[in-house]
């Protein structure tokens, strides 16, 4: 037995069926929980890794676009030099 850190509900989990780092859901409140300890069984609220990955991808795209703009500016300057 373990306790949900969000709603304090008793969660029946067999410690032999889970490993450290496994994710489970609280049947009462629906919180995503991570197994942080096995003996005794400990649960913690799981972080939203998916949201963090999406933000990092968005930042990479924005940075990539900025680099593309810098390259275009440099190419435009080079063309101007050739025109003179």
PDB file of N, CA and C in Angstrom:
ATOM      1  N   UNK A   1       0.839  -1.192   0.000  1.00  0.00           N
ATOM      2  CA  UNK A   1       0.000   0.000   0.000  1.00  0.00           C
ATOM      3  C   UNK A   1       0.876   1.245   0.000  1.00  0.00           C
ATOM      4  N   UNK A   2       0.416   2.244  -0.729  1.00  0.00           N
ATOM      5  CA  UNK A   2       1.084   3.534  -0.758  1.00  0.00           C
ATOM      6  C   UNK A   2       0.016   4.617  -0.669  1.00  0.00           C
ATOM      7  N   UNK A   3       0.448   5.822  -0.388  1.00  0.00           N
ATOM      8  CA  UNK A   3      -0.472   6.947  -0.259  1.00  0.00           C
ATOM      9  C   UNK A   3      -0.218   7.944  -1.378  1.00  0.00           C
ATOM     10  N   UNK A   4      -1.282   8.426  -2.005  1.00  0.00           N
ATOM     11  CA  UNK A   4      -1.172   9.445  -3.050  1.00  0.00           C
ATOM     12  C   UNK A   4      -0.745  10.761  -2.396  1.00  0.00           C
ATOM     13  N   UNK A   5       0.338  11.375  -2.880  1.00  0.00           N
ATOM     14  CA  UNK A   5       0.779  12.637  -2.286  1.00  0.00           C
ATOM     15  C   UNK A   5      -0.149  13.809  -2.614  1.00  0.00           C
ATOM     16  N   UNK A   6      -1.032  13.628  -3.573  1.00  0.00           N
ATOM     17  CA  UNK A   6      -1.947  14.696  -3.978  1.00  0.00           C
ATOM     18  C   UNK A   6      -3.222  14.699  -3.137  1.00  0.00           C
ATOM     19  N   UNK A   7      -3.848  13.522  -2.988  1.00  0.00           N
ATOM     20  CA  UNK A   7      -5.141  13.472  -2.305  1.00  0.00           C
ATOM     21  C   UNK A   7      -5.141  12.586  -1.063  1.00  0.00           C
ATOM     22  N   UNK A   8      -4.008  12.001  -0.711  1.00  0.00           N
ATOM     23  CA  UNK A   8      -3.854  11.133   0.458  1.00  0.00           C
ATOM     24  C   UNK A   8      -4.663   9.835   0.386  1.00  0.00           C
ATOM     25  N   UNK A   9      -5.114   9.452  -0.788  1.00  0.00           N
ATOM     26  CA  UNK A   9      -5.840   8.192  -0.941  1.00  0.00           C
ATOM     27  C   UNK A   9      -4.866   7.025  -0.827  1.00  0.00           C
ATOM     28  N   UNK A  10      -5.348   5.932  -0.284  1.00  0.00           N
ATOM     29  CA  UNK A  10      -4.554   4.715  -0.204  1.00  0.00           C
ATOM     30  C   UNK A  10      -4.586   4.039  -1.577  1.00  0.00           C
ATOM     31  N   UNK A  11      -3.412   3.749  -2.116  1.00  0.00           N
ATOM     32  CA  UNK A  11      -3.308   3.105  -3.421  1.00  0.00           C
ATOM     33  C   UNK A  11      -2.711   1.725  -3.226  1.00  0.00           C
ATOM     34  N   UNK A  12      -3.430   0.727  -3.696  1.00  0.00           N
ATOM     35  CA  UNK A  12      -2.958  -0.646  -3.560  1.00  0.00           C
ATOM     36  C   UNK A  12      -2.049  -0.962  -4.746  1.00  0.00           C
ATOM     37  N   UNK A  13      -0.757  -1.048  -4.454  1.00  0.00           N
ATOM     38  CA  UNK A  13       0.242  -1.351  -5.470  1.00  0.00           C
ATOM     39  C   UNK A  13       1.148  -2.428  -4.895  1.00  0.00           C
ATOM     40  N   UNK A  14       1.337  -3.496  -5.656  1.00  0.00           N
ATOM     41  CA  UNK A  14       2.240  -4.551  -5.228  1.00  0.00           C
ATOM     42  C   UNK A  14       3.663  -4.115  -5.576  1.00  0.00           C
ATOM     43  N   UNK A  15       4.514  -3.947  -4.574  1.00  0.00           N
ATOM     44  CA  UNK A  15       5.870  -3.442  -4.814  1.00  0.00           C
ATOM     45  C   UNK A  15       6.699  -4.373  -5.694  1.00  0.00           C
ATOM     46  N   UNK A  16       6.237  -5.599  -5.872  1.00  0.00           N
ATOM     47  CA  UNK A  16       6.940  -6.535  -6.759  1.00  0.00           C
ATOM     48  C   UNK A  16       6.538  -6.342  -8.221  1.00  0.00           C
ATOM     49  N   UNK A  17       5.439  -5.621  -8.457  1.00  0.00           N
ATOM     50  CA  UNK A  17       4.958  -5.382  -9.813  1.00  0.00           C
ATOM     51  C   UNK A  17       5.470  -4.070 -10.407  1.00  0.00           C
ATOM     52  N   UNK A  18       6.131  -3.247  -9.604  1.00  0.00           N
ATOM     53  CA  UNK A  18       6.608  -1.957 -10.090  1.00  0.00           C
ATOM     54  C   UNK A  18       8.110  -1.829  -9.866  1.00  0.00           C
ATOM     55  N   UNK A  19       8.721  -0.956 -10.637  1.00  0.00           N
ATOM     56  CA  UNK A  19      10.133  -0.624 -10.480  1.00  0.00           C
ATOM     57  C   UNK A  19      10.253   0.863 -10.189  1.00  0.00           C
ATOM     58  N   UNK A  20      11.375   1.261  -9.637  1.00  0.00           N
ATOM     59  CA  UNK A  20      11.625   2.668  -9.385  1.00  0.00           C
ATOM     60  C   UNK A  20      11.597   3.414 -10.719  1.00  0.00           C
ATOM     61  N   UNK A  21      10.854   4.514 -10.762  1.00  0.00           N
ATOM     62  CA  UNK A  21      10.728   5.303 -11.979  1.00  0.00           C
ATOM     63  C   UNK A  21       9.467   5.001 -12.768  1.00  0.00           C
ATOM     64  N   UNK A  22       8.755   3.925 -12.417  1.00  0.00           N
ATOM     65  CA  UNK A  22       7.504   3.603 -13.103  1.00  0.00           C
ATOM     66  C   UNK A  22       6.456   4.669 -12.810  1.00  0.00           C
ATOM     67  N   UNK A  23       5.556   4.861 -13.758  1.00  0.00           N
ATOM     68  CA  UNK A  23       4.471   5.819 -13.597  1.00  0.00           C
ATOM     69  C   UNK A  23       3.168   5.079 -13.396  1.00  0.00           C
ATOM     70  N   UNK A  24       2.378   5.550 -12.436  1.00  0.00           N
ATOM     71  CA  UNK A  24       1.050   5.001 -12.190  1.00  0.00           C
ATOM     72  C   UNK A  24       0.089   6.166 -12.011  1.00  0.00           C
ATOM     73  N   UNK A  25      -1.189   5.870 -12.024  1.00  0.00           N
ATOM     74  CA  UNK A  25      -2.205   6.901 -11.875  1.00  0.00           C
ATOM     75  C   UNK A  25      -3.009   6.637 -10.614  1.00  0.00           C
ATOM     76  N   UNK A  26      -3.309   7.692  -9.893  1.00  0.00           N
ATOM     77  CA  UNK A  26      -4.130   7.561  -8.695  1.00  0.00           C
ATOM     78  C   UNK A  26      -5.577   7.296  -9.131  1.00  0.00           C
ATOM     79  N   UNK A  27      -6.175   6.219  -8.627  1.00  0.00           N
ATOM     80  CA  UNK A  27      -7.560   5.918  -9.027  1.00  0.00           C
ATOM     81  C   UNK A  27      -8.577   6.924  -8.484  1.00  0.00           C
ATOM     82  N   UNK A  28      -8.234   7.650  -7.427  1.00  0.00           N
ATOM     83  CA  UNK A  28      -9.180   8.611  -6.842  1.00  0.00           C
ATOM     84  C   UNK A  28      -9.126   9.973  -7.525  1.00  0.00           C
ATOM     85  N   UNK A  29      -7.925  10.562  -7.628  1.00  0.00           N
ATOM     86  CA  UNK A  29      -7.832  11.923  -8.157  1.00  0.00           C
ATOM     87  C   UNK A  29      -7.277  11.981  -9.585  1.00  0.00           C
ATOM     88  N   UNK A  30      -6.720  10.859 -10.075  1.00  0.00           N
ATOM     89  CA  UNK A  30      -6.210  10.817 -11.448  1.00  0.00           C
ATOM     90  C   UNK A  30      -4.826  11.396 -11.624  1.00  0.00           C
ATOM     91  N   UNK A  31      -4.158  11.765 -10.543  1.00  0.00           N
ATOM     92  CA  UNK A  31      -2.808  12.331 -10.644  1.00  0.00           C
ATOM     93  C   UNK A  31      -1.831  11.291 -11.188  1.00  0.00           C
ATOM     94  N   UNK A  32      -0.902  11.752 -12.010  1.00  0.00           N
ATOM     95  CA  UNK A  32       0.173  10.884 -12.479  1.00  0.00           C
ATOM     96  C   UNK A  32       1.244  10.841 -11.406  1.00  0.00           C
ATOM     97  N   UNK A  33       1.596   9.632 -10.992  1.00  0.00           N
ATOM     98  CA  UNK A  33       2.535   9.449  -9.899  1.00  0.00           C
ATOM     99  C   UNK A  33       3.721   8.623 -10.363  1.00  0.00           C
ATOM    100  N   UNK A  34       4.885   8.914  -9.800  1.00  0.00           N
ATOM    101  CA  UNK A  34       6.103   8.180 -10.106  1.00  0.00           C
ATOM    102  C   UNK A  34       6.539   7.401  -8.872  1.00  0.00           C
ATOM    103  N   UNK A  35       6.954   6.160  -9.095  1.00  0.00           N
ATOM    104  CA  UNK A  35       7.473   5.342  -7.999  1.00  0.00           C
ATOM    105  C   UNK A  35       8.882   5.836  -7.697  1.00  0.00           C
ATOM    106  N   UNK A  36       9.079   6.377  -6.484  1.00  0.00           N
ATOM    107  CA  UNK A  36      10.386   6.924  -6.106  1.00  0.00           C
ATOM    108  C   UNK A  36      11.128   6.041  -5.115  1.00  0.00           C
ATOM    109  N   UNK A  37      10.443   5.088  -4.528  1.00  0.00           N
ATOM    110  CA  UNK A  37      11.067   4.166  -3.590  1.00  0.00           C
ATOM    111  C   UNK A  37      10.313   2.854  -3.573  1.00  0.00           C
ATOM    112  N   UNK A  38      11.040   1.772  -3.284  1.00  0.00           N
ATOM    113  CA  UNK A  38      10.401   0.457  -3.329  1.00  0.00           C
ATOM    114  C   UNK A  38      10.175  -0.179  -1.965  1.00  0.00           C
ATOM    115  N   UNK A  39      11.047   0.067  -1.030  1.00  0.00           N
ATOM    116  CA  UNK A  39      10.888  -0.588   0.260  1.00  0.00           C
ATOM    117  C   UNK A  39      11.180   0.413   1.371  1.00  0.00           C
ATOM    118  N   UNK A  40      10.224   1.126   1.879  1.00  0.00           N
ATOM    119  CA  UNK A  40       8.803   1.011   1.587  1.00  0.00           C
ATOM    120  C   UNK A  40       8.452   1.700   0.263  1.00  0.00           C
ATOM    121  N   UNK A  41       7.291   1.329  -0.285  1.00  0.00           N
ATOM    122  CA  UNK A  41       6.825   1.891  -1.542  1.00  0.00           C
ATOM    123  C   UNK A  41       6.520   3.373  -1.354  1.00  0.00           C
ATOM    124  N   UNK A  42       7.163   4.206  -2.179  1.00  0.00           N
ATOM    125  CA  UNK A  42       6.958   5.657  -2.092  1.00  0.00           C
ATOM    126  C   UNK A  42       6.558   6.191  -3.449  1.00  0.00           C
ATOM    127  N   UNK A  43       5.619   7.127  -3.448  1.00  0.00           N
ATOM    128  CA  UNK A  43       5.136   7.749  -4.673  1.00  0.00           C
ATOM    129  C   UNK A  43       5.306   9.248  -4.583  1.00  0.00           C
ATOM    130  N   UNK A  44       5.565   9.873  -5.731  1.00  0.00           N
ATOM    131  CA  UNK A  44       5.656  11.325  -5.805  1.00  0.00           C
ATOM    132  C   UNK A  44       4.923  11.765  -7.063  1.00  0.00           C
ATOM    133  N   UNK A  45       4.484  12.999  -7.093  1.00  0.00           N
ATOM    134  CA  UNK A  45       3.795  13.514  -8.272  1.00  0.00           C
ATOM    135  C   UNK A  45       4.785  13.554  -9.430  1.00  0.00           C
ATOM    136  N   UNK A  46       4.385  12.958 -10.549  1.00  0.00           N
ATOM    137  CA  UNK A  46       5.258  12.889 -11.723  1.00  0.00           C
ATOM    138  C   UNK A  46       5.307  14.250 -12.394  1.00  0.00           C
ATOM    139  N   UNK A  47       6.503  14.625 -12.849  1.00  0.00           N
ATOM    140  CA  UNK A  47       6.663  15.875 -13.579  1.00  0.00           C
ATOM    141  C   UNK A  47       6.088  15.747 -14.972  1.00  0.00           C
ATOM    142  N   UNK A  48       5.763  16.877 -15.593  1.00  0.00           N
ATOM    143  CA  UNK A  48       5.238  16.887 -16.957  1.00  0.00           C
ATOM    144  C   UNK A  48       6.390  16.994 -17.936  1.00  0.00           C
ATOM    145  N   UNK A  49       7.085  15.872 -18.174  1.00  0.00           N
ATOM    146  CA  UNK A  49       8.229  15.871 -19.082  1.00  0.00           C
ATOM    147  C   UNK A  49       7.822  16.184 -20.500  1.00  0.00           C
ATOM    148  N   UNK A  50       6.612  15.790 -20.894  1.00  0.00           N
ATOM    149  CA  UNK A  50       6.184  16.038 -22.265  1.00  0.00           C
ATOM    150  C   UNK A  50       6.115  17.533 -22.545  1.00  0.00           C
ATOM    151  N   UNK A  51       5.610  18.330 -21.599  1.00  0.00           N
ATOM    152  CA  UNK A  51       5.522  19.765 -21.803  1.00  0.00           C
ATOM    153  C   UNK A  51       6.905  20.385 -21.912  1.00  0.00           C
ATOM    154  N   UNK A  52       7.853  19.921 -21.102  1.00  0.00           N
ATOM    155  CA  UNK A  52       9.202  20.461 -21.157  1.00  0.00           C
ATOM    156  C   UNK A  52       9.841  20.184 -22.503  1.00  0.00           C
ATOM    157  N   UNK A  53       9.640  18.986 -23.044  1.00  0.00           N
ATOM    158  CA  UNK A  53      10.208  18.645 -24.339  1.00  0.00           C
ATOM    159  C   UNK A  53       9.632  19.523 -25.428  1.00  0.00           C
ATOM    160  N   UNK A  54       8.324  19.797 -25.381  1.00  0.00           N
ATOM    161  CA  UNK A  54       7.699  20.643 -26.386  1.00  0.00           C
ATOM    162  C   UNK A  54       8.272  22.050 -26.344  1.00  0.00           C
ATOM    163  N   UNK A  55       8.487  22.596 -25.136  1.00  0.00           N
ATOM    164  CA  UNK A  55       9.041  23.937 -25.018  1.00  0.00           C
ATOM    165  C   UNK A  55      10.459  23.996 -25.576  1.00  0.00           C
ATOM    166  N   UNK A  56      11.269  22.958 -25.305  1.00  0.00           N
ATOM    167  CA  UNK A  56      12.632  22.936 -25.822  1.00  0.00           C
ATOM    168  C   UNK A  56      12.635  22.879 -27.340  1.00  0.00           C
ATOM    169  N   UNK A  57      11.719  22.104 -27.940  1.00  0.00           N
ATOM    170  CA  UNK A  57      11.638  22.018 -29.382  1.00  0.00           C
ATOM    171  C   UNK A  57      11.240  23.361 -29.963  1.00  0.00           C
ATOM    172  N   UNK A  58      10.274  24.053 -29.331  1.00  0.00           N
ATOM    173  CA  UNK A  58       9.850  25.358 -29.817  1.00  0.00           C
ATOM    174  C   UNK A  58      11.002  26.354 -29.756  1.00  0.00           C
ATOM    175  N   UNK A  59      11.780  26.341 -28.674  1.00  0.00           N
ATOM    176  CA  UNK A  59      12.915  27.244 -28.555  1.00  0.00           C
ATOM    177  C   UNK A  59      13.949  26.951 -29.626  1.00  0.00           C
ATOM    178  N   UNK A  60      14.178  25.687 -29.923  1.00  0.00           N
ATOM    179  CA  UNK A  60      15.154  25.320 -30.938  1.00  0.00           C
ATOM    180  C   UNK A  60      14.711  25.821 -32.307  1.00  0.00           C
ATOM    181  N   UNK A  61      13.424  25.744 -32.579  1.00  0.00           N
ATOM    182  CA  UNK A  61      12.913  26.226 -33.864  1.00  0.00           C
ATOM    183  C   UNK A  61      13.101  27.729 -33.958  1.00  0.00           C
ATOM    184  N   UNK A  62      12.765  28.440 -32.904  1.00  0.00           N
ATOM    185  CA  UNK A  62      12.911  29.897 -32.912  1.00  0.00           C
ATOM    186  C   UNK A  62      14.380  30.274 -33.080  1.00  0.00           C
ATOM    187  N   UNK A  63      15.284  29.599 -32.367  1.00  0.00           N
ATOM    188  CA  UNK A  63      16.706  29.886 -32.494  1.00  0.00           C
ATOM    189  C   UNK A  63      17.181  29.578 -33.907  1.00  0.00           C
ATOM    190  N   UNK A  64      16.705  28.496 -34.491  1.00  0.00           N
ATOM    191  CA  UNK A  64      17.083  28.132 -35.853  1.00  0.00           C
ATOM    192  C   UNK A  64      16.634  29.185 -36.846  1.00  0.00           C
ATOM    193  N   UNK A  65      15.432  29.727 -36.649  1.00  0.00           N
ATOM    194  CA  UNK A  65      14.948  30.782 -37.535  1.00  0.00           C
ATOM    195  C   UNK A  65      15.800  32.025 -37.392  1.00  0.00           C
ATOM    196  N   UNK A  66      16.227  32.344 -36.189  1.00  0.00           N
ATOM    197  CA  UNK A  66      17.067  33.516 -35.973  1.00  0.00           C
ATOM    198  C   UNK A  66      18.404  33.340 -36.689  1.00  0.00           C
ATOM    199  N   UNK A  67      18.954  32.145 -36.631  1.00  0.00           N
ATOM    200  CA  UNK A  67      20.215  31.886 -37.323  1.00  0.00           C
ATOM    201  C   UNK A  67      20.035  32.025 -38.821  1.00  0.00           C
ATOM    202  N   UNK A  68      18.890  31.560 -39.360  1.00  0.00           N
ATOM    203  CA  UNK A  68      18.619  31.686 -40.787  1.00  0.00           C
ATOM    204  C   UNK A  68      18.557  33.158 -41.181  1.00  0.00           C
ATOM    205  N   UNK A  69      17.944  33.993 -40.336  1.00  0.00           N
ATOM    206  CA  UNK A  69      17.854  35.415 -40.634  1.00  0.00           C
ATOM    207  C   UNK A  69      19.235  36.048 -40.653  1.00  0.00           C
ATOM    208  N   UNK A  70      20.104  35.654 -39.743  1.00  0.00           N
ATOM    209  CA  UNK A  70      21.468  36.182 -39.717  1.00  0.00           C
ATOM    210  C   UNK A  70      22.203  35.824 -40.998  1.00  0.00           C
ATOM    211  N   UNK A  71      22.031  34.618 -41.475  1.00  0.00           N
ATOM    212  CA  UNK A  71      22.692  34.180 -42.706  1.00  0.00           C
ATOM    213  C   UNK A  71      22.174  34.971 -43.881  1.00  0.00           C
ATOM    214  N   UNK A  72      20.850  35.195 -43.931  1.00  0.00           N
ATOM    215  CA  UNK A  72      20.276  35.978 -45.021  1.00  0.00           C
ATOM    216  C   UNK A  72      20.816  37.402 -45.000  1.00  0.00           C
ATOM    217  N   UNK A  73      20.962  38.018 -43.816  1.00  0.00           N
ATOM    218  CA  UNK A  73      21.503  39.365 -43.707  1.00  0.00           C
ATOM    219  C   UNK A  73      22.933  39.417 -44.215  1.00  0.00           C
ATOM    220  N   UNK A  74      23.743  38.420 -43.860  1.00  0.00           N
ATOM    221  CA  UNK A  74      25.128  38.370 -44.309  1.00  0.00           C
ATOM    222  C   UNK A  74      25.201  38.219 -45.821  1.00  0.00           C
ATOM    223  N   UNK A  75      24.329  37.391 -46.399  1.00  0.00           N
ATOM    224  CA  UNK A  75      24.315  37.205 -47.843  1.00  0.00           C
ATOM    225  C   UNK A  75      23.925  38.506 -48.537  1.00  0.00           C
ATOM    226  N   UNK A  76      22.969  39.241 -47.972  1.00  0.00           N
ATOM    227  CA  UNK A  76      22.540  40.513 -48.558  1.00  0.00           C
ATOM    228  C   UNK A  76      23.681  41.521 -48.526  1.00  0.00           C
ATOM    229  N   UNK A  77      24.432  41.554 -47.429  1.00  0.00           N
ATOM    230  CA  UNK A  77      25.570  42.464 -47.329  1.00  0.00           C
ATOM    231  C   UNK A  77      26.637  42.102 -48.350  1.00  0.00           C
ATOM    232  N   UNK A  78      26.896  40.817 -48.552  1.00  0.00           N
ATOM    233  CA  UNK A  78      27.883  40.389 -49.523  1.00  0.00           C
ATOM    234  C   UNK A  78      27.478  40.794 -50.928  1.00  0.00           C
ATOM    235  N   UNK A  79      26.169  40.676 -51.256  1.00  0.00           N
ATOM    236  CA  UNK A  79      25.683  41.077 -52.559  1.00  0.00           C
ATOM    237  C   UNK A  79      25.880  42.568 -52.774  1.00  0.00           C
ATOM    238  N   UNK A  80      25.636  43.361 -51.722  1.00  0.00           N
ATOM    239  CA  UNK A  80      25.817  44.799 -51.826  1.00  0.00           C
ATOM    240  C   UNK A  80      27.284  45.137 -52.111  1.00  0.00           C
ATOM    241  N   UNK A  81      28.199  44.418 -51.470  1.00  0.00           N
ATOM    242  CA  UNK A  81      29.620  44.644 -51.697  1.00  0.00           C
ATOM    243  C   UNK A  81      29.984  44.367 -53.152  1.00  0.00           C
ATOM    244  N   UNK A  82      29.407  43.368 -53.741  1.00  0.00           N
ATOM    245  CA  UNK A  82      29.714  43.026 -55.132  1.00  0.00           C
ATOM    246  C   UNK A  82      29.139  44.062 -56.083  1.00  0.00           C
ATOM    247  N   UNK A  83      28.030  44.689 -55.734  1.00  0.00           N
ATOM    248  CA  UNK A  83      27.413  45.687 -56.601  1.00  0.00           C
ATOM    249  C   UNK A  83      28.249  46.942 -56.672  1.00  0.00           C
ATOM    250  N   UNK A  84      29.014  47.231 -55.665  1.00  0.00           N
ATOM    251  CA  UNK A  84      29.782  48.467 -55.633  1.00  0.00           C
ATOM    252  C   UNK A  84      30.911  48.347 -56.545  1.00  0.00           C
TER     253      UNK A  84
END
